Amino acid sequence: MYIITLILLVFIVFISGAWRHWEKYLSTLLYGSSMNLLSYVIMGSDRLWFHVPSTLWKDITDTFVLLPSILLLYLVFFPTEKKKKWTYYLKWVFVSLLFEWLLVRFGLFGYNKKYHFWMELPFYFIMYGFIKLHTKRPLLTYGLSILIIAFLIIFFDYSLEKSYLER
């Protein structure tokens, strides 16, 4: 299912023409990928959420193909009208939740460290909000991201003293 999702998503990026806008959103795509990589470094093999089975190639394709494709589609088709912005934003949050729920339901996705599916609701609200904010105010977005990361490290009791390889 992962490979089918990946191929379908890349196909949608190309068929929709979203790929033509990669340069405009490159810094935001890199922000998304760097936050994903940072989560791997901080959490190691004890991540809050993971693929079943969890493999290095899935982590790499998530970071450099899947996530940038999702973010590019989200940004390229983001509406300009205020009312439509909120509807669009909410649709992305809830479609992401639905897709993840299906993955969990079929045993293809799991959680660690007392993290639960319901916690994905605030995660997706923050993620999509920060992605859009990054296009306008990147430094503010990085600052807010540091605060969220610090909260997650403390709340889920991650040790920064252990090296990535020790986990």
N, C-alpha and C. Protein backbone atom coordinates (compact mmCIF):
# COMPACT_ATOMS: atom_id res chain seq x y z
N MET A 1 0.82 -1.20 0.00
CA MET A 1 0.00 0.00 0.00
C MET A 1 0.87 1.27 0.00
N TYR A 2 2.02 1.20 0.67
CA TYR A 2 2.90 2.37 0.74
C TYR A 2 3.40 2.75 -0.65
N ILE A 3 3.84 1.77 -1.41
CA ILE A 3 4.37 2.04 -2.76
C ILE A 3 3.26 2.59 -3.66
N ILE A 4 2.07 2.03 -3.55
CA ILE A 4 0.93 2.51 -4.35
C ILE A 4 0.63 3.96 -4.00
N THR A 5 0.60 4.27 -2.71
CA THR A 5 0.36 5.65 -2.26
C THR A 5 1.43 6.59 -2.79
N LEU A 6 2.68 6.17 -2.70
CA LEU A 6 3.80 6.99 -3.16
C LEU A 6 3.69 7.27 -4.65
N ILE A 7 3.45 6.24 -5.44
CA ILE A 7 3.33 6.39 -6.89
C ILE A 7 2.14 7.27 -7.25
N LEU A 8 1.01 7.03 -6.59
CA LEU A 8 -0.19 7.82 -6.85
C LEU A 8 0.03 9.30 -6.52
N LEU A 9 0.67 9.56 -5.41
CA LEU A 9 0.92 10.94 -4.99
C LEU A 9 1.85 11.66 -5.98
N VAL A 10 2.92 11.01 -6.38
CA VAL A 10 3.85 11.61 -7.35
C VAL A 10 3.13 11.83 -8.69
N PHE A 11 2.29 10.89 -9.08
CA PHE A 11 1.50 11.02 -10.30
C PHE A 11 0.59 12.25 -10.22
N ILE A 12 -0.08 12.44 -9.08
CA ILE A 12 -0.96 13.60 -8.89
C ILE A 12 -0.17 14.90 -8.96
N VAL A 13 1.02 14.92 -8.37
CA VAL A 13 1.87 16.12 -8.43
C VAL A 13 2.19 16.48 -9.88
N PHE A 14 2.47 15.47 -10.70
CA PHE A 14 2.82 15.74 -12.09
C PHE A 14 1.60 16.07 -12.93
N ILE A 15 0.53 15.28 -12.79
CA ILE A 15 -0.65 15.48 -13.63
C ILE A 15 -1.34 16.81 -13.31
N SER A 16 -1.25 17.26 -12.05
CA SER A 16 -1.89 18.52 -11.64
C SER A 16 -1.07 19.74 -12.04
N GLY A 17 0.19 19.52 -12.39
CA GLY A 17 1.07 20.63 -12.73
C GLY A 17 1.73 21.28 -11.52
N ALA A 18 1.48 20.73 -10.33
CA ALA A 18 2.05 21.31 -9.10
C ALA A 18 3.57 21.32 -9.15
N TRP A 19 4.16 20.35 -9.80
CA TRP A 19 5.63 20.24 -9.86
C TRP A 19 6.27 21.49 -10.46
N ARG A 20 5.53 22.20 -11.30
CA ARG A 20 6.08 23.40 -11.94
C ARG A 20 6.40 24.51 -10.93
N HIS A 21 5.85 24.41 -9.72
CA HIS A 21 6.00 25.45 -8.71
C HIS A 21 7.01 25.08 -7.62
N TRP A 22 7.80 24.05 -7.86
CA TRP A 22 8.72 23.58 -6.82
C TRP A 22 9.71 24.66 -6.39
N GLU A 23 10.18 25.48 -7.34
CA GLU A 23 11.16 26.51 -6.98
C GLU A 23 10.56 27.58 -6.07
N LYS A 24 9.31 27.94 -6.33
CA LYS A 24 8.64 28.95 -5.51
C LYS A 24 8.53 28.51 -4.05
N TYR A 25 8.32 27.22 -3.85
CA TYR A 25 8.09 26.70 -2.49
C TYR A 25 9.26 25.89 -1.95
N LEU A 26 10.40 25.95 -2.62
CA LEU A 26 11.53 25.12 -2.23
C LEU A 26 11.93 25.30 -0.76
N SER A 27 12.01 26.53 -0.29
CA SER A 27 12.45 26.72 1.10
C SER A 27 11.45 26.11 2.08
N THR A 28 10.17 26.15 1.76
CA THR A 28 9.17 25.54 2.64
C THR A 28 9.21 24.02 2.54
N LEU A 29 9.46 23.49 1.37
CA LEU A 29 9.61 22.03 1.23
C LEU A 29 10.82 21.55 2.02
N LEU A 30 11.90 22.33 1.98
CA LEU A 30 13.09 21.99 2.76
C LEU A 30 12.84 22.10 4.26
N TYR A 31 12.05 23.09 4.65
CA TYR A 31 11.66 23.22 6.06
C TYR A 31 10.92 21.95 6.51
N GLY A 32 9.94 21.52 5.73
CA GLY A 32 9.19 20.31 6.07
C GLY A 32 10.07 19.09 6.17
N SER A 33 10.95 18.91 5.19
CA SER A 33 11.86 17.76 5.20
C SER A 33 12.85 17.84 6.36
N SER A 34 13.34 19.05 6.65
CA SER A 34 14.31 19.18 7.75
C SER A 34 13.66 18.90 9.10
N MET A 35 12.41 19.29 9.28
CA MET A 35 11.70 18.99 10.53
C MET A 35 11.49 17.48 10.66
N ASN A 36 11.20 16.83 9.55
CA ASN A 36 11.03 15.37 9.56
C ASN A 36 12.35 14.68 9.92
N LEU A 37 13.44 15.12 9.30
CA LEU A 37 14.75 14.55 9.62
C LEU A 37 15.13 14.81 11.08
N LEU A 38 14.84 15.99 11.56
CA LEU A 38 15.14 16.32 12.95
C LEU A 38 14.39 15.40 13.91
N SER A 39 13.15 15.07 13.56
CA SER A 39 12.40 14.14 14.42
C SER A 39 13.07 12.78 14.46
N TYR A 40 13.65 12.34 13.34
CA TYR A 40 14.37 11.06 13.33
C TYR A 40 15.61 11.12 14.21
N VAL A 41 16.31 12.23 14.16
CA VAL A 41 17.53 12.39 14.97
C VAL A 41 17.20 12.42 16.46
N ILE A 42 16.19 13.18 16.83
CA ILE A 42 15.83 13.30 18.25
C ILE A 42 15.23 12.01 18.79
N MET A 43 14.35 11.41 18.02
CA MET A 43 13.61 10.25 18.52
C MET A 43 14.27 8.91 18.23
N GLY A 44 15.16 8.88 17.25
CA GLY A 44 15.81 7.62 16.90
C GLY A 44 14.79 6.56 16.52
N SER A 45 15.00 5.35 16.98
CA SER A 45 14.09 4.26 16.65
C SER A 45 12.86 4.26 17.55
N ASP A 46 12.82 5.17 18.51
CA ASP A 46 11.72 5.25 19.47
C ASP A 46 10.80 6.42 19.11
N ARG A 47 10.42 6.50 17.82
CA ARG A 47 9.60 7.60 17.33
C ARG A 47 8.18 7.54 17.87
N LEU A 48 7.52 8.67 17.91
CA LEU A 48 6.14 8.70 18.36
C LEU A 48 5.22 7.95 17.41
N TRP A 49 5.51 8.00 16.12
CA TRP A 49 4.72 7.28 15.14
C TRP A 49 5.67 6.62 14.16
N PHE A 50 5.21 5.52 13.56
CA PHE A 50 6.09 4.75 12.68
C PHE A 50 5.28 3.91 11.69
N HIS A 51 5.93 3.57 10.58
CA HIS A 51 5.36 2.66 9.59
C HIS A 51 5.52 1.23 10.09
N VAL A 52 4.61 0.36 9.68
CA VAL A 52 4.73 -1.07 9.97
C VAL A 52 4.82 -1.78 8.63
N PRO A 53 5.90 -2.44 8.29
CA PRO A 53 7.15 -2.44 9.04
C PRO A 53 7.90 -1.12 8.83
N SER A 54 8.70 -0.77 9.82
CA SER A 54 9.49 0.46 9.76
C SER A 54 10.82 0.16 9.10
N THR A 55 11.09 0.85 7.99
CA THR A 55 12.34 0.60 7.27
C THR A 55 13.01 1.93 6.91
N LEU A 56 14.30 1.87 6.69
CA LEU A 56 15.06 3.07 6.33
C LEU A 56 14.56 3.66 5.01
N TRP A 57 14.26 2.80 4.03
CA TRP A 57 13.83 3.34 2.73
C TRP A 57 12.50 4.07 2.85
N LYS A 58 11.61 3.64 3.74
CA LYS A 58 10.36 4.37 3.95
C LYS A 58 10.63 5.73 4.60
N ASP A 59 11.57 5.76 5.54
CA ASP A 59 11.93 7.02 6.18
C ASP A 59 12.51 8.00 5.15
N ILE A 60 13.35 7.49 4.28
CA ILE A 60 13.98 8.33 3.26
C ILE A 60 12.94 8.83 2.25
N THR A 61 12.09 7.92 1.76
CA THR A 61 11.07 8.36 0.79
C THR A 61 10.03 9.27 1.44
N ASP A 62 9.72 9.04 2.71
CA ASP A 62 8.83 9.97 3.43
C ASP A 62 9.40 11.38 3.43
N THR A 63 10.68 11.47 3.76
CA THR A 63 11.34 12.76 3.92
C THR A 63 11.55 13.49 2.60
N PHE A 64 11.95 12.76 1.56
CA PHE A 64 12.36 13.42 0.32
C PHE A 64 11.39 13.29 -0.85
N VAL A 65 10.35 12.47 -0.71
CA VAL A 65 9.38 12.32 -1.80
C VAL A 65 7.95 12.54 -1.30
N LEU A 66 7.51 11.73 -0.35
CA LEU A 66 6.13 11.77 0.11
C LEU A 66 5.77 13.12 0.74
N LEU A 67 6.50 13.52 1.75
CA LEU A 67 6.19 14.78 2.44
C LEU A 67 6.30 15.99 1.51
N PRO A 68 7.38 16.15 0.74
CA PRO A 68 7.43 17.29 -0.18
C PRO A 68 6.30 17.28 -1.21
N SER A 69 5.89 16.11 -1.66
CA SER A 69 4.77 16.03 -2.61
C SER A 69 3.48 16.51 -1.97
N ILE A 70 3.21 16.06 -0.75
CA ILE A 70 2.01 16.49 -0.03
C ILE A 70 2.05 18.00 0.19
N LEU A 71 3.18 18.50 0.65
CA LEU A 71 3.29 19.93 0.94
C LEU A 71 3.17 20.78 -0.32
N LEU A 72 3.74 20.30 -1.41
CA LEU A 72 3.65 21.04 -2.68
C LEU A 72 2.20 21.13 -3.15
N LEU A 73 1.48 20.02 -3.08
CA LEU A 73 0.06 20.04 -3.46
C LEU A 73 -0.73 20.99 -2.56
N TYR A 74 -0.46 20.93 -1.28
CA TYR A 74 -1.14 21.80 -0.32
C TYR A 74 -0.90 23.27 -0.64
N LEU A 75 0.34 23.63 -0.90
CA LEU A 75 0.69 25.04 -1.12
C LEU A 75 0.26 25.56 -2.49
N VAL A 76 0.45 24.77 -3.52
CA VAL A 76 0.15 25.24 -4.88
C VAL A 76 -1.33 25.56 -5.05
N PHE A 77 -2.19 24.77 -4.45
CA PHE A 77 -3.62 24.96 -4.64
C PHE A 77 -4.30 25.69 -3.48
N PHE A 78 -3.49 26.29 -2.60
CA PHE A 78 -4.05 27.03 -1.48
C PHE A 78 -4.82 28.24 -2.01
N PRO A 79 -6.09 28.39 -1.63
CA PRO A 79 -6.90 29.48 -2.18
C PRO A 79 -6.52 30.86 -1.63
N THR A 80 -6.96 31.89 -2.31
CA THR A 80 -6.67 33.25 -1.87
C THR A 80 -7.84 33.86 -1.09
N GLU A 81 -9.05 33.39 -1.33
CA GLU A 81 -10.24 33.91 -0.64
C GLU A 81 -10.27 33.42 0.80
N LYS A 82 -10.51 34.33 1.75
CA LYS A 82 -10.40 34.03 3.18
C LYS A 82 -11.26 32.84 3.61
N LYS A 83 -12.53 32.83 3.23
CA LYS A 83 -13.42 31.74 3.64
C LYS A 83 -12.95 30.40 3.06
N LYS A 84 -12.50 30.44 1.84
CA LYS A 84 -12.04 29.21 1.20
C LYS A 84 -10.74 28.71 1.83
N LYS A 85 -9.92 29.63 2.36
CA LYS A 85 -8.67 29.23 3.02
C LYS A 85 -8.95 28.30 4.18
N TRP A 86 -9.90 28.68 5.04
CA TRP A 86 -10.21 27.86 6.22
C TRP A 86 -10.79 26.51 5.83
N THR A 87 -11.67 26.51 4.84
CA THR A 87 -12.26 25.25 4.38
C THR A 87 -11.18 24.34 3.82
N TYR A 88 -10.31 24.90 3.01
CA TYR A 88 -9.20 24.14 2.41
C TYR A 88 -8.29 23.56 3.48
N TYR A 89 -7.91 24.39 4.43
CA TYR A 89 -7.05 23.99 5.55
C TYR A 89 -7.69 22.84 6.33
N LEU A 90 -8.95 22.99 6.68
CA LEU A 90 -9.66 21.94 7.43
C LEU A 90 -9.78 20.65 6.64
N LYS A 91 -10.00 20.76 5.33
CA LYS A 91 -10.07 19.55 4.49
C LYS A 91 -8.75 18.79 4.53
N TRP A 92 -7.63 19.49 4.43
CA TRP A 92 -6.33 18.84 4.46
C TRP A 92 -6.08 18.16 5.80
N VAL A 93 -6.46 18.82 6.88
CA VAL A 93 -6.29 18.22 8.21
C VAL A 93 -7.12 16.94 8.30
N PHE A 94 -8.38 17.00 7.92
CA PHE A 94 -9.25 15.85 8.09
C PHE A 94 -8.97 14.73 7.09
N VAL A 95 -8.58 15.05 5.88
CA VAL A 95 -8.19 14.00 4.93
C VAL A 95 -6.92 13.30 5.41
N SER A 96 -5.98 14.06 5.95
CA SER A 96 -4.76 13.46 6.51
C SER A 96 -5.09 12.54 7.67
N LEU A 97 -6.00 12.97 8.54
CA LEU A 97 -6.43 12.14 9.66
C LEU A 97 -7.11 10.86 9.16
N LEU A 98 -7.98 11.00 8.18
CA LEU A 98 -8.67 9.84 7.63
C LEU A 98 -7.69 8.84 7.02
N PHE A 99 -6.74 9.35 6.25
CA PHE A 99 -5.75 8.47 5.63
C PHE A 99 -4.93 7.75 6.69
N GLU A 100 -4.50 8.48 7.70
CA GLU A 100 -3.71 7.86 8.77
C GLU A 100 -4.54 6.84 9.54
N TRP A 101 -5.81 7.15 9.78
CA TRP A 101 -6.70 6.21 10.47
C TRP A 101 -6.79 4.90 9.69
N LEU A 102 -6.89 5.00 8.36
CA LEU A 102 -6.93 3.80 7.53
C LEU A 102 -5.64 3.00 7.65
N LEU A 103 -4.51 3.69 7.65
CA LEU A 103 -3.22 3.01 7.81
C LEU A 103 -3.15 2.28 9.16
N VAL A 104 -3.60 2.93 10.21
CA VAL A 104 -3.61 2.31 11.54
C VAL A 104 -4.56 1.12 11.55
N ARG A 105 -5.73 1.31 10.97
CA ARG A 105 -6.76 0.26 10.94
C ARG A 105 -6.26 -1.00 10.24
N PHE A 106 -5.46 -0.82 9.19
CA PHE A 106 -4.92 -1.96 8.45
C PHE A 106 -3.58 -2.44 8.98
N GLY A 107 -3.15 -1.89 10.11
CA GLY A 107 -1.91 -2.33 10.75
C GLY A 107 -0.65 -1.86 10.06
N LEU A 108 -0.74 -0.78 9.29
CA LEU A 108 0.41 -0.28 8.54
C LEU A 108 1.09 0.92 9.20
N PHE A 109 0.56 1.33 10.35
CA PHE A 109 1.08 2.51 11.03
C PHE A 109 0.85 2.31 12.52
N GLY A 110 1.80 2.77 13.35
CA GLY A 110 1.66 2.59 14.78
C GLY A 110 2.22 3.75 15.57
N TYR A 111 2.08 3.67 16.90
CA TYR A 111 2.48 4.75 17.80
C TYR A 111 3.28 4.20 18.98
N ASN A 112 4.16 5.03 19.53
CA ASN A 112 5.01 4.71 20.69
C ASN A 112 4.80 5.73 21.79
N LYS A 113 5.38 5.44 22.94
CA LYS A 113 5.53 6.39 24.06
C LYS A 113 4.21 7.06 24.47
N LYS A 114 3.17 6.29 24.55
CA LYS A 114 1.84 6.79 24.95
C LYS A 114 1.29 7.85 23.99
N TYR A 115 1.79 7.85 22.78
CA TYR A 115 1.23 8.72 21.75
C TYR A 115 0.04 7.98 21.17
N HIS A 116 -1.04 8.70 20.86
CA HIS A 116 -2.26 8.07 20.37
C HIS A 116 -2.76 8.78 19.12
N PHE A 117 -3.64 8.09 18.41
CA PHE A 117 -4.19 8.64 17.17
C PHE A 117 -4.81 10.03 17.38
N TRP A 118 -5.55 10.23 18.46
CA TRP A 118 -6.22 11.51 18.67
C TRP A 118 -5.23 12.67 18.73
N MET A 119 -3.98 12.38 19.07
CA MET A 119 -2.96 13.43 19.15
C MET A 119 -2.55 13.94 17.76
N GLU A 120 -2.94 13.20 16.74
CA GLU A 120 -2.65 13.63 15.38
C GLU A 120 -3.49 14.84 14.98
N LEU A 121 -4.65 15.02 15.61
CA LEU A 121 -5.48 16.18 15.27
C LEU A 121 -4.73 17.49 15.52
N PRO A 122 -4.22 17.72 16.74
CA PRO A 122 -3.44 18.96 16.90
C PRO A 122 -2.16 18.96 16.06
N PHE A 123 -1.56 17.77 15.85
CA PHE A 123 -0.35 17.70 15.03
C PHE A 123 -0.62 18.22 13.63
N TYR A 124 -1.69 17.73 12.98
CA TYR A 124 -1.98 18.16 11.61
C TYR A 124 -2.40 19.63 11.55
N PHE A 125 -3.13 20.10 12.56
CA PHE A 125 -3.45 21.53 12.60
C PHE A 125 -2.17 22.36 12.65
N ILE A 126 -1.24 21.96 13.49
CA ILE A 126 0.03 22.68 13.61
C ILE A 126 0.85 22.54 12.33
N MET A 127 0.97 21.31 11.83
CA MET A 127 1.81 21.07 10.65
C MET A 127 1.35 21.91 9.46
N TYR A 128 0.08 21.81 9.10
CA TYR A 128 -0.40 22.56 7.93
C TYR A 128 -0.38 24.07 8.18
N GLY A 129 -0.66 24.47 9.41
CA GLY A 129 -0.57 25.90 9.74
C GLY A 129 0.85 26.42 9.61
N PHE A 130 1.81 25.66 10.14
CA PHE A 130 3.22 26.07 10.06
C PHE A 130 3.72 26.06 8.62
N ILE A 131 3.27 25.11 7.82
CA ILE A 131 3.71 25.05 6.42
C ILE A 131 3.28 26.32 5.69
N LYS A 132 2.04 26.72 5.88
CA LYS A 132 1.56 27.95 5.23
C LYS A 132 2.26 29.18 5.82
N LEU A 133 2.41 29.20 7.14
CA LEU A 133 3.09 30.32 7.79
C LEU A 133 4.53 30.47 7.29
N HIS A 134 5.20 29.35 7.04
CA HIS A 134 6.59 29.39 6.58
C HIS A 134 6.73 30.13 5.25
N THR A 135 5.71 30.08 4.41
CA THR A 135 5.80 30.78 3.12
C THR A 135 5.81 32.29 3.30
N LYS A 136 5.27 32.78 4.42
CA LYS A 136 5.20 34.23 4.67
C LYS A 136 6.18 34.70 5.74
N ARG A 137 6.37 33.89 6.79
CA ARG A 137 7.20 34.29 7.93
C ARG A 137 8.08 33.12 8.37
N PRO A 138 9.11 32.81 7.59
CA PRO A 138 9.94 31.63 7.89
C PRO A 138 10.64 31.67 9.25
N LEU A 139 11.18 32.81 9.64
CA LEU A 139 11.89 32.87 10.92
C LEU A 139 10.94 32.65 12.10
N LEU A 140 9.76 33.22 12.02
CA LEU A 140 8.75 32.99 13.06
C LEU A 140 8.40 31.50 13.11
N THR A 141 8.26 30.88 11.95
CA THR A 141 7.92 29.46 11.89
C THR A 141 9.00 28.61 12.54
N TYR A 142 10.26 28.92 12.26
CA TYR A 142 11.35 28.16 12.90
C TYR A 142 11.33 28.36 14.41
N GLY A 143 11.09 29.58 14.86
CA GLY A 143 11.03 29.84 16.30
C GLY A 143 9.91 29.07 16.97
N LEU A 144 8.73 29.09 16.36
CA LEU A 144 7.60 28.33 16.91
C LEU A 144 7.86 26.83 16.86
N SER A 145 8.54 26.38 15.81
CA SER A 145 8.88 24.96 15.69
C SER A 145 9.79 24.52 16.83
N ILE A 146 10.75 25.36 17.18
CA ILE A 146 11.66 25.05 18.30
C ILE A 146 10.86 24.89 19.60
N LEU A 147 9.88 25.75 19.81
CA LEU A 147 9.04 25.64 21.01
C LEU A 147 8.24 24.33 21.02
N ILE A 148 7.68 23.96 19.89
CA ILE A 148 6.91 22.71 19.79
C ILE A 148 7.83 21.51 20.01
N ILE A 149 9.01 21.54 19.41
CA ILE A 149 9.98 20.45 19.58
C ILE A 149 10.38 20.32 21.04
N ALA A 150 10.65 21.44 21.69
CA ALA A 150 11.01 21.41 23.12
C ALA A 150 9.88 20.81 23.95
N PHE A 151 8.66 21.19 23.65
CA PHE A 151 7.51 20.63 24.36
C PHE A 151 7.44 19.11 24.17
N LEU A 152 7.60 18.64 22.93
CA LEU A 152 7.52 17.20 22.66
C LEU A 152 8.64 16.44 23.36
N ILE A 153 9.85 17.00 23.37
CA ILE A 153 10.98 16.36 24.05
C ILE A 153 10.68 16.20 25.54
N ILE A 154 10.15 17.24 26.15
CA ILE A 154 9.85 17.20 27.59
C ILE A 154 8.64 16.30 27.87
N PHE A 155 7.55 16.50 27.13
CA PHE A 155 6.31 15.77 27.39
C PHE A 155 6.47 14.27 27.19
N PHE A 156 7.21 13.88 26.15
CA PHE A 156 7.38 12.45 25.86
C PHE A 156 8.70 11.89 26.38
N ASP A 157 9.39 12.67 27.19
CA ASP A 157 10.57 12.22 27.92
C ASP A 157 11.67 11.65 27.01
N TYR A 158 12.07 12.46 26.04
CA TYR A 158 13.20 12.06 25.18
C TYR A 158 14.49 12.57 25.79
N SER A 159 15.53 11.75 25.71
CA SER A 159 16.84 12.14 26.22
C SER A 159 17.71 12.60 25.06
N LEU A 160 18.19 13.81 25.14
CA LEU A 160 19.09 14.32 24.10
C LEU A 160 20.53 13.91 24.36
N GLU A 161 20.78 13.28 25.51
CA GLU A 161 22.13 12.85 25.85
C GLU A 161 22.53 11.58 25.11
N LYS A 162 21.55 10.74 24.79
CA LYS A 162 21.84 9.53 24.03
C LYS A 162 22.08 9.91 22.58
N SER A 163 23.02 9.22 21.97
CA SER A 163 23.25 9.48 20.55
C SER A 163 22.16 8.79 19.74
N TYR A 164 22.00 9.23 18.51
CA TYR A 164 21.01 8.65 17.61
C TYR A 164 21.22 7.15 17.47
N LEU A 165 22.46 6.72 17.41
CA LEU A 165 22.77 5.31 17.20
C LEU A 165 22.49 4.45 18.43
N GLU A 166 22.45 5.05 19.62
CA GLU A 166 22.19 4.29 20.84
C GLU A 166 20.73 3.92 21.00
N ARG A 167 19.84 4.61 20.30
CA ARG A 167 18.41 4.36 20.49
C ARG A 167 17.93 3.23 19.66
